[in-house]
Every structure is written in structure tokens, then in C-alpha cells.
PDB file of N, CA and C in Angstrom:
ATOM      1  N   MET A   1       6.111   5.537  23.038  1.00  0.00           N
ATOM      2  CA  MET A   1       6.671   5.007  21.856  1.00  0.00           C
ATOM      3  C   MET A   1       6.151   5.784  20.618  1.00  0.00           C
ATOM      4  N   GLN A   2       7.029   6.280  19.846  1.00  0.00           N
ATOM      5  CA  GLN A   2       6.576   7.059  18.666  1.00  0.00           C
ATOM      6  C   GLN A   2       6.211   6.041  17.555  1.00  0.00           C
ATOM      7  N   GLN A   3       5.088   6.338  16.936  1.00  0.00           N
ATOM      8  CA  GLN A   3       4.580   5.539  15.839  1.00  0.00           C
ATOM      9  C   GLN A   3       5.024   6.197  14.510  1.00  0.00           C
ATOM     10  N   SER A   4       4.534   5.655  13.425  1.00  0.00           N
ATOM     11  CA  SER A   4       4.830   6.171  12.050  1.00  0.00           C
ATOM     12  C   SER A   4       4.006   7.418  11.903  1.00  0.00           C
ATOM     13  N   SER A   5       4.565   8.305  10.984  1.00  0.00           N
ATOM     14  CA  SER A   5       3.811   9.560  10.602  1.00  0.00           C
ATOM     15  C   SER A   5       4.060   9.789   9.107  1.00  0.00           C
ATOM     16  N   ARG A   6       3.782  10.941   8.622  1.00  0.00           N
ATOM     17  CA  ARG A   6       3.941  11.248   7.250  1.00  0.00           C
ATOM     18  C   ARG A   6       5.431  11.251   6.852  1.00  0.00           C
ATOM     19  N   THR A   7       6.333  11.543   7.816  1.00  0.00           N
ATOM     20  CA  THR A   7       7.806  11.625   7.504  1.00  0.00           C
ATOM     21  C   THR A   7       8.657  10.742   8.421  1.00  0.00           C
ATOM     22  N   SER A   8       7.954   9.776   9.054  1.00  0.00           N
ATOM     23  CA  SER A   8       8.719   8.781   9.886  1.00  0.00           C
ATOM     24  C   SER A   8       8.040   7.414   9.827  1.00  0.00           C
ATOM     25  N   VAL A   9       8.793   6.434  10.095  1.00  0.00           N
ATOM     26  CA  VAL A   9       8.219   5.068  10.134  1.00  0.00           C
ATOM     27  C   VAL A   9       8.813   4.294  11.327  1.00  0.00           C
ATOM     28  N   ARG A  10       8.032   3.567  12.005  1.00  0.00           N
ATOM     29  CA  ARG A  10       8.398   2.683  13.018  1.00  0.00           C
ATOM     30  C   ARG A  10       8.829   1.356  12.464  1.00  0.00           C
ATOM     31  N   VAL A  11      10.060   0.905  12.729  1.00  0.00           N
ATOM     32  CA  VAL A  11      10.538  -0.414  12.179  1.00  0.00           C
ATOM     33  C   VAL A  11      10.833  -1.339  13.343  1.00  0.00           C
ATOM     34  N   GLU A  12      10.368  -2.518  13.224  1.00  0.00           N
ATOM     35  CA  GLU A  12      10.530  -3.574  14.248  1.00  0.00           C
ATOM     36  C   GLU A  12      11.082  -4.834  13.584  1.00  0.00           C
ATOM     37  N   TRP A  13      11.957  -5.572  14.294  1.00  0.00           N
ATOM     38  CA  TRP A  13      12.608  -6.801  13.751  1.00  0.00           C
ATOM     39  C   TRP A  13      12.571  -7.817  14.830  1.00  0.00           C
ATOM     40  N   SER A  14      12.822  -9.070  14.481  1.00  0.00           N
ATOM     41  CA  SER A  14      12.882 -10.172  15.427  1.00  0.00           C
ATOM     42  C   SER A  14      14.312 -10.412  15.826  1.00  0.00           C
ATOM     43  N   ALA A  15      14.547 -10.896  17.039  1.00  0.00           N
ATOM     44  CA  ALA A  15      15.816 -11.228  17.573  1.00  0.00           C
ATOM     45  C   ALA A  15      16.399 -12.418  16.870  1.00  0.00           C
ATOM     46  N   VAL A  16      17.711 -12.479  16.653  1.00  0.00           N
ATOM     47  CA  VAL A  16      18.368 -13.639  16.055  1.00  0.00           C
ATOM     48  C   VAL A  16      18.452 -14.733  17.172  1.00  0.00           C
ATOM     49  N   ALA A  17      17.975 -15.865  16.781  1.00  0.00           N
ATOM     50  CA  ALA A  17      18.034 -16.998  17.767  1.00  0.00           C
ATOM     51  C   ALA A  17      19.009 -18.089  17.215  1.00  0.00           C
ATOM     52  N   THR A  18      20.149 -18.254  17.793  1.00  0.00           N
ATOM     53  CA  THR A  18      21.123 -19.232  17.400  1.00  0.00           C
ATOM     54  C   THR A  18      21.632 -20.016  18.620  1.00  0.00           C
ATOM     55  N   ALA A  19      21.867 -21.275  18.326  1.00  0.00           N
ATOM     56  CA  ALA A  19      22.464 -22.152  19.378  1.00  0.00           C
ATOM     57  C   ALA A  19      23.916 -21.783  19.474  1.00  0.00           C
ATOM     58  N   PRO A  20      24.569 -21.943  20.656  1.00  0.00           N
ATOM     59  CA  PRO A  20      25.977 -21.628  20.813  1.00  0.00           C
ATOM     60  C   PRO A  20      26.866 -22.312  19.782  1.00  0.00           C
ATOM     61  N   ALA A  21      26.531 -23.548  19.407  1.00  0.00           N
ATOM     62  CA  ALA A  21      27.359 -24.234  18.372  1.00  0.00           C
ATOM     63  C   ALA A  21      27.305 -23.582  17.038  1.00  0.00           C
ATOM     64  N   GLN A  22      26.187 -22.846  16.764  1.00  0.00           N
ATOM     65  CA  GLN A  22      26.010 -22.158  15.465  1.00  0.00           C
ATOM     66  C   GLN A  22      26.594 -20.729  15.555  1.00  0.00           C
ATOM     67  N   SER A  23      26.924 -20.228  16.684  1.00  0.00           N
ATOM     68  CA  SER A  23      27.396 -18.867  16.842  1.00  0.00           C
ATOM     69  C   SER A  23      28.677 -18.851  17.504  1.00  0.00           C
ATOM     70  N   PRO A  24      29.786 -19.130  16.790  1.00  0.00           N
ATOM     71  CA  PRO A  24      31.105 -19.178  17.450  1.00  0.00           C
ATOM     72  C   PRO A  24      31.545 -17.832  17.980  1.00  0.00           C
ATOM     73  N   GLY A  25      30.901 -16.736  17.510  1.00  0.00           N
ATOM     74  CA  GLY A  25      31.302 -15.385  17.908  1.00  0.00           C
ATOM     75  C   GLY A  25      30.541 -15.007  19.215  1.00  0.00           C
ATOM     76  N   GLY A  26      29.654 -15.872  19.683  1.00  0.00           N
ATOM     77  CA  GLY A  26      28.937 -15.565  20.956  1.00  0.00           C
ATOM     78  C   GLY A  26      27.570 -14.903  20.682  1.00  0.00           C
ATOM     79  N   ASP A  27      27.078 -14.392  21.763  1.00  0.00           N
ATOM     80  CA  ASP A  27      25.717 -13.767  21.743  1.00  0.00           C
ATOM     81  C   ASP A  27      25.737 -12.515  20.918  1.00  0.00           C
ATOM     82  N   VAL A  28      24.493 -12.126  20.499  1.00  0.00           N
ATOM     83  CA  VAL A  28      24.277 -10.877  19.761  1.00  0.00           C
ATOM     84  C   VAL A  28      24.554  -9.694  20.664  1.00  0.00           C
ATOM     85  N   LEU A  29      25.382  -8.797  20.185  1.00  0.00           N
ATOM     86  CA  LEU A  29      25.704  -7.577  21.005  1.00  0.00           C
ATOM     87  C   LEU A  29      24.828  -6.395  20.696  1.00  0.00           C
ATOM     88  N   GLY A  30      24.025  -6.465  19.619  1.00  0.00           N
ATOM     89  CA  GLY A  30      23.144  -5.393  19.202  1.00  0.00           C
ATOM     90  C   GLY A  30      22.800  -5.564  17.797  1.00  0.00           C
ATOM     91  N   TYR A  31      22.003  -4.578  17.261  1.00  0.00           N
ATOM     92  CA  TYR A  31      21.532  -4.586  15.913  1.00  0.00           C
ATOM     93  C   TYR A  31      21.703  -3.186  15.257  1.00  0.00           C
ATOM     94  N   SER A  32      21.923  -3.260  13.930  1.00  0.00           N
ATOM     95  CA  SER A  32      21.977  -1.974  13.186  1.00  0.00           C
ATOM     96  C   SER A  32      20.867  -1.999  12.176  1.00  0.00           C
ATOM     97  N   LEU A  33      20.234  -0.884  12.011  1.00  0.00           N
ATOM     98  CA  LEU A  33      19.175  -0.713  10.984  1.00  0.00           C
ATOM     99  C   LEU A  33      19.697   0.214   9.922  1.00  0.00           C
ATOM    100  N   TYR A  34      19.708  -0.328   8.662  1.00  0.00           N
ATOM    101  CA  TYR A  34      20.227   0.494   7.598  1.00  0.00           C
ATOM    102  C   TYR A  34      18.978   0.870   6.710  1.00  0.00           C
ATOM    103  N   VAL A  35      19.043   2.157   6.191  1.00  0.00           N
ATOM    104  CA  VAL A  35      18.035   2.668   5.307  1.00  0.00           C
ATOM    105  C   VAL A  35      18.667   3.019   3.956  1.00  0.00           C
ATOM    106  N   THR A  36      18.011   2.720   2.881  1.00  0.00           N
ATOM    107  CA  THR A  36      18.454   3.049   1.557  1.00  0.00           C
ATOM    108  C   THR A  36      17.346   3.739   0.785  1.00  0.00           C
ATOM    109  N   ASP A  37      17.772   4.849   0.169  1.00  0.00           N
ATOM    110  CA  ASP A  37      16.874   5.554  -0.766  1.00  0.00           C
ATOM    111  C   ASP A  37      17.128   4.966  -2.093  1.00  0.00           C
ATOM    112  N   PRO A  38      16.152   4.174  -2.627  1.00  0.00           N
ATOM    113  CA  PRO A  38      16.368   3.491  -3.915  1.00  0.00           C
ATOM    114  C   PRO A  38      16.537   4.453  -5.109  1.00  0.00           C
ATOM    115  N   THR A  39      16.070   5.630  -5.011  1.00  0.00           N
ATOM    116  CA  THR A  39      16.076   6.619  -6.092  1.00  0.00           C
ATOM    117  C   THR A  39      17.546   7.097  -6.256  1.00  0.00           C
ATOM    118  N   THR A  40      18.206   7.365  -5.133  1.00  0.00           N
ATOM    119  CA  THR A  40      19.521   7.937  -5.201  1.00  0.00           C
ATOM    120  C   THR A  40      20.626   6.874  -4.922  1.00  0.00           C
ATOM    121  N   GLY A  41      20.217   5.757  -4.207  1.00  0.00           N
ATOM    122  CA  GLY A  41      21.203   4.761  -3.902  1.00  0.00           C
ATOM    123  C   GLY A  41      21.854   5.072  -2.563  1.00  0.00           C
ATOM    124  N   HIS A  42      21.610   6.253  -1.956  1.00  0.00           N
ATOM    125  CA  HIS A  42      22.201   6.654  -0.696  1.00  0.00           C
ATOM    126  C   HIS A  42      21.707   5.737   0.496  1.00  0.00           C
ATOM    127  N   SER A  43      22.652   5.241   1.265  1.00  0.00           N
ATOM    128  CA  SER A  43      22.332   4.399   2.438  1.00  0.00           C
ATOM    129  C   SER A  43      22.870   5.018   3.681  1.00  0.00           C
ATOM    130  N   TRP A  44      22.279   4.797   4.771  1.00  0.00           N
ATOM    131  CA  TRP A  44      22.727   5.298   6.034  1.00  0.00           C
ATOM    132  C   TRP A  44      22.337   4.416   7.231  1.00  0.00           C
ATOM    133  N   VAL A  45      23.095   4.501   8.319  1.00  0.00           N
ATOM    134  CA  VAL A  45      22.737   3.761   9.507  1.00  0.00           C
ATOM    135  C   VAL A  45      21.716   4.631  10.290  1.00  0.00           C
ATOM    136  N   ALA A  46      20.519   4.131  10.473  1.00  0.00           N
ATOM    137  CA  ALA A  46      19.479   4.915  11.149  1.00  0.00           C
ATOM    138  C   ALA A  46      19.457   4.554  12.726  1.00  0.00           C
ATOM    139  N   PHE A  47      20.027   3.404  13.004  1.00  0.00           N
ATOM    140  CA  PHE A  47      20.106   2.959  14.369  1.00  0.00           C
ATOM    141  C   PHE A  47      21.263   2.035  14.567  1.00  0.00           C
ATOM    142  N   ASN A  48      22.096   2.248  15.595  1.00  0.00           N
ATOM    143  CA  ASN A  48      23.112   1.312  15.897  1.00  0.00           C
ATOM    144  C   ASN A  48      23.093   0.917  17.448  1.00  0.00           C
ATOM    145  N   GLY A  49      22.351  -0.090  17.692  1.00  0.00           N
ATOM    146  CA  GLY A  49      22.140  -0.568  19.100  1.00  0.00           C
ATOM    147  C   GLY A  49      23.447  -1.043  19.735  1.00  0.00           C
ATOM    148  N   THR A  50      24.373  -1.529  19.045  1.00  0.00           N
ATOM    149  CA  THR A  50      25.656  -1.948  19.608  1.00  0.00           C
ATOM    150  C   THR A  50      26.394  -0.752  20.137  1.00  0.00           C
ATOM    151  N   ALA A  51      26.587   0.261  19.321  1.00  0.00           N
ATOM    152  CA  ALA A  51      27.287   1.480  19.739  1.00  0.00           C
ATOM    153  C   ALA A  51      26.569   2.184  20.969  1.00  0.00           C
ATOM    154  N   LEU A  52      25.239   2.110  21.034  1.00  0.00           N
ATOM    155  CA  LEU A  52      24.445   2.678  22.058  1.00  0.00           C
ATOM    156  C   LEU A  52      24.331   1.811  23.315  1.00  0.00           C
ATOM    157  N   GLY A  53      24.823   0.512  23.211  1.00  0.00           N
ATOM    158  CA  GLY A  53      24.631  -0.343  24.331  1.00  0.00           C
ATOM    159  C   GLY A  53      23.227  -0.922  24.509  1.00  0.00           C
ATOM    160  N   LEU A  54      22.487  -0.897  23.468  1.00  0.00           N
ATOM    161  CA  LEU A  54      21.116  -1.344  23.480  1.00  0.00           C
ATOM    162  C   LEU A  54      20.980  -2.714  22.777  1.00  0.00           C
ATOM    163  N   ARG A  55      21.612  -3.699  23.394  1.00  0.00           N
ATOM    164  CA  ARG A  55      21.678  -5.039  22.727  1.00  0.00           C
ATOM    165  C   ARG A  55      20.328  -5.731  22.547  1.00  0.00           C
ATOM    166  N   ASP A  56      19.356  -5.380  23.369  1.00  0.00           N
ATOM    167  CA  ASP A  56      18.042  -6.057  23.228  1.00  0.00           C
ATOM    168  C   ASP A  56      16.938  -5.250  22.491  1.00  0.00           C
ATOM    169  N   GLN A  57      17.338  -4.025  22.053  1.00  0.00           N
ATOM    170  CA  GLN A  57      16.271  -3.208  21.435  1.00  0.00           C
ATOM    171  C   GLN A  57      16.015  -3.760  20.059  1.00  0.00           C
ATOM    172  N   LEU A  58      14.769  -3.979  19.765  1.00  0.00           N
ATOM    173  CA  LEU A  58      14.353  -4.596  18.505  1.00  0.00           C
ATOM    174  C   LEU A  58      13.381  -3.707  17.670  1.00  0.00           C
ATOM    175  N   SER A  59      13.476  -2.366  17.869  1.00  0.00           N
ATOM    176  CA  SER A  59      12.623  -1.476  17.138  1.00  0.00           C
ATOM    177  C   SER A  59      13.232  -0.099  17.220  1.00  0.00           C
ATOM    178  N   THR A  60      12.882   0.766  16.279  1.00  0.00           N
ATOM    179  CA  THR A  60      13.258   2.169  16.367  1.00  0.00           C
ATOM    180  C   THR A  60      12.292   2.965  15.386  1.00  0.00           C
ATOM    181  N   THR A  61      12.315   4.183  15.478  1.00  0.00           N
ATOM    182  CA  THR A  61      11.551   5.058  14.598  1.00  0.00           C
ATOM    183  C   THR A  61      12.566   5.879  13.751  1.00  0.00           C
ATOM    184  N   VAL A  62      12.446   5.820  12.431  1.00  0.00           N
ATOM    185  CA  VAL A  62      13.297   6.519  11.524  1.00  0.00           C
ATOM    186  C   VAL A  62      12.554   7.761  11.095  1.00  0.00           C
ATOM    187  N   ALA A  63      13.145   8.952  11.379  1.00  0.00           N
ATOM    188  CA  ALA A  63      12.511  10.240  11.071  1.00  0.00           C
ATOM    189  C   ALA A  63      13.182  10.881   9.901  1.00  0.00           C
ATOM    190  N   GLY A  64      12.584  11.975   9.405  1.00  0.00           N
ATOM    191  CA  GLY A  64      13.218  12.731   8.357  1.00  0.00           C
ATOM    192  C   GLY A  64      13.087  12.163   6.947  1.00  0.00           C
ATOM    193  N   LEU A  65      12.133  11.304   6.775  1.00  0.00           N
ATOM    194  CA  LEU A  65      11.886  10.693   5.457  1.00  0.00           C
ATOM    195  C   LEU A  65      10.980  11.596   4.624  1.00  0.00           C
ATOM    196  N   ALA A  66      11.107  11.505   3.302  1.00  0.00           N
ATOM    197  CA  ALA A  66      10.309  12.308   2.393  1.00  0.00           C
ATOM    198  C   ALA A  66       8.939  11.636   2.164  1.00  0.00           C
ATOM    199  N   THR A  67       7.917  12.401   2.173  1.00  0.00           N
ATOM    200  CA  THR A  67       6.541  11.954   1.954  1.00  0.00           C
ATOM    201  C   THR A  67       6.396  11.396   0.560  1.00  0.00           C
ATOM    202  N   GLY A  68       5.834  10.244   0.422  1.00  0.00           N
ATOM    203  CA  GLY A  68       5.576   9.661  -0.927  1.00  0.00           C
ATOM    204  C   GLY A  68       6.773   8.961  -1.567  1.00  0.00           C
ATOM    205  N   LYS A  69       7.821   8.818  -0.849  1.00  0.00           N
ATOM    206  CA  LYS A  69       9.062   8.231  -1.398  1.00  0.00           C
ATOM    207  C   LYS A  69       9.182   6.790  -0.754  1.00  0.00           C
ATOM    208  N   ALA A  70       9.647   5.801  -1.582  1.00  0.00           N
ATOM    209  CA  ALA A  70       9.837   4.479  -1.065  1.00  0.00           C
ATOM    210  C   ALA A  70      11.275   4.340  -0.493  1.00  0.00           C
ATOM    211  N   TYR A  71      11.447   3.644   0.567  1.00  0.00           N
ATOM    212  CA  TYR A  71      12.728   3.354   1.105  1.00  0.00           C
ATOM    213  C   TYR A  71      12.828   1.883   1.346  1.00  0.00           C
ATOM    214  N   SER A  72      14.022   1.385   1.438  1.00  0.00           N
ATOM    215  CA  SER A  72      14.290  -0.005   1.776  1.00  0.00           C
ATOM    216  C   SER A  72      15.082  -0.044   3.077  1.00  0.00           C
ATOM    217  N   PHE A  73      14.806  -1.116   3.893  1.00  0.00           N
ATOM    218  CA  PHE A  73      15.364  -1.170   5.197  1.00  0.00           C
ATOM    219  C   PHE A  73      16.097  -2.557   5.352  1.00  0.00           C
ATOM    220  N   GLY A  74      17.132  -2.659   6.007  1.00  0.00           N
ATOM    221  CA  GLY A  74      17.872  -3.883   6.319  1.00  0.00           C
ATOM    222  C   GLY A  74      18.389  -3.842   7.740  1.00  0.00           C
ATOM    223  N   VAL A  75      18.337  -4.998   8.415  1.00  0.00           N
ATOM    224  CA  VAL A  75      18.809  -5.053   9.826  1.00  0.00           C
ATOM    225  C   VAL A  75      19.973  -6.116   9.846  1.00  0.00           C
ATOM    226  N   ALA A  76      21.035  -5.774  10.557  1.00  0.00           N
ATOM    227  CA  ALA A  76      22.142  -6.689  10.749  1.00  0.00           C
ATOM    228  C   ALA A  76      22.439  -6.835  12.281  1.00  0.00           C
ATOM    229  N   ALA A  77      22.762  -8.057  12.644  1.00  0.00           N
ATOM    230  CA  ALA A  77      23.101  -8.317  13.963  1.00  0.00           C
ATOM    231  C   ALA A  77      24.592  -8.233  14.166  1.00  0.00           C
ATOM    232  N   HIS A  78      25.084  -7.798  15.340  1.00  0.00           N
ATOM    233  CA  HIS A  78      26.470  -7.726  15.720  1.00  0.00           C
ATOM    234  C   HIS A  78      26.793  -8.743  16.779  1.00  0.00           C
ATOM    235  N   ALA A  79      27.900  -9.414  16.629  1.00  0.00           N
ATOM    236  CA  ALA A  79      28.448 -10.364  17.527  1.00  0.00           C
ATOM    237  C   ALA A  79      29.928 -10.069  17.714  1.00  0.00           C
ATOM    238  N   PHE A  80      30.592 -10.746  18.623  1.00  0.00           N
ATOM    239  CA  PHE A  80      32.025 -10.532  18.814  1.00  0.00           C
ATOM    240  C   PHE A  80      32.853 -10.524  17.547  1.00  0.00           C
ATOM    241  N   ASN A  81      32.524 -11.408  16.650  1.00  0.00           N
ATOM    242  CA  ASN A  81      33.280 -11.533  15.446  1.00  0.00           C
ATOM    243  C   ASN A  81      32.897 -10.498  14.325  1.00  0.00           C
ATOM    244  N   GLY A  82      31.963  -9.628  14.641  1.00  0.00           N
ATOM    245  CA  GLY A  82      31.576  -8.567  13.610  1.00  0.00           C
ATOM    246  C   GLY A  82      30.070  -8.660  13.270  1.00  0.00           C
ATOM    247  N   GLU A  83      29.764  -7.947  12.207  1.00  0.00           N
ATOM    248  CA  GLU A  83      28.412  -7.768  11.774  1.00  0.00           C
ATOM    249  C   GLU A  83      27.983  -8.855  10.747  1.00  0.00           C
ATOM    250  N   GLY A  84      26.774  -9.360  10.896  1.00  0.00           N
ATOM    251  CA  GLY A  84      26.205 -10.289   9.953  1.00  0.00           C
ATOM    252  C   GLY A  84      25.665  -9.546   8.768  1.00  0.00           C
ATOM    253  N   ALA A  85      25.105 -10.261   7.802  1.00  0.00           N
ATOM    254  CA  ALA A  85      24.557  -9.671   6.650  1.00  0.00           C
ATOM    255  C   ALA A  85      23.262  -8.983   6.895  1.00  0.00           C
ATOM    256  N   SER A  86      22.969  -7.866   6.257  1.00  0.00           N
ATOM    257  CA  SER A  86      21.699  -7.241   6.443  1.00  0.00           C
ATOM    258  C   SER A  86      20.692  -7.640   5.406  1.00  0.00           C
TER     259      SER A  86
END
């Protein structure tokens, strides 16, 4: 498992826990991790567990970041009915 470095960061998140009555779209199919550079406003998908078939993965390492720069991260869960808010 790769840890954080000067140009990468390890990001972990918790699984969404919902009762079937609260989740009419069904179980979580995976998660997406979004990264935003607040200086430029540029955002990108750093990880898409749904597309990769990794429905239970709750962490990833984001590489290629600039040293000394602040980034913001958001995670969204995917279900049959689409993506939740990040």
C-alpha cells in the first residue's frame, strides 16, 4: 500500500451505510474520488471504483500533486440510480 509523499496523498473514506428503505436505488456500486485545485478551480476524477469494478475499495493514492499546494477532495457513492453528492 502506497502512503503519502511530497507529490502524492493517500485518501481514505468510510462506506455509506443505508437501510434498504432509505436506498431505493439499491446497494452502493462503488465510489468516486474527486480532486479540485482551488487555485485554478480545475477538478478531476482521481479514482472511479464503479468503472473499475472495485465496489468495496475505500481508499486510493492520488499522485502527481504539486508540492506546497492545497487541494480539496470529495467522495461520491454510486448506486443503481446514479451518483450521490460529493
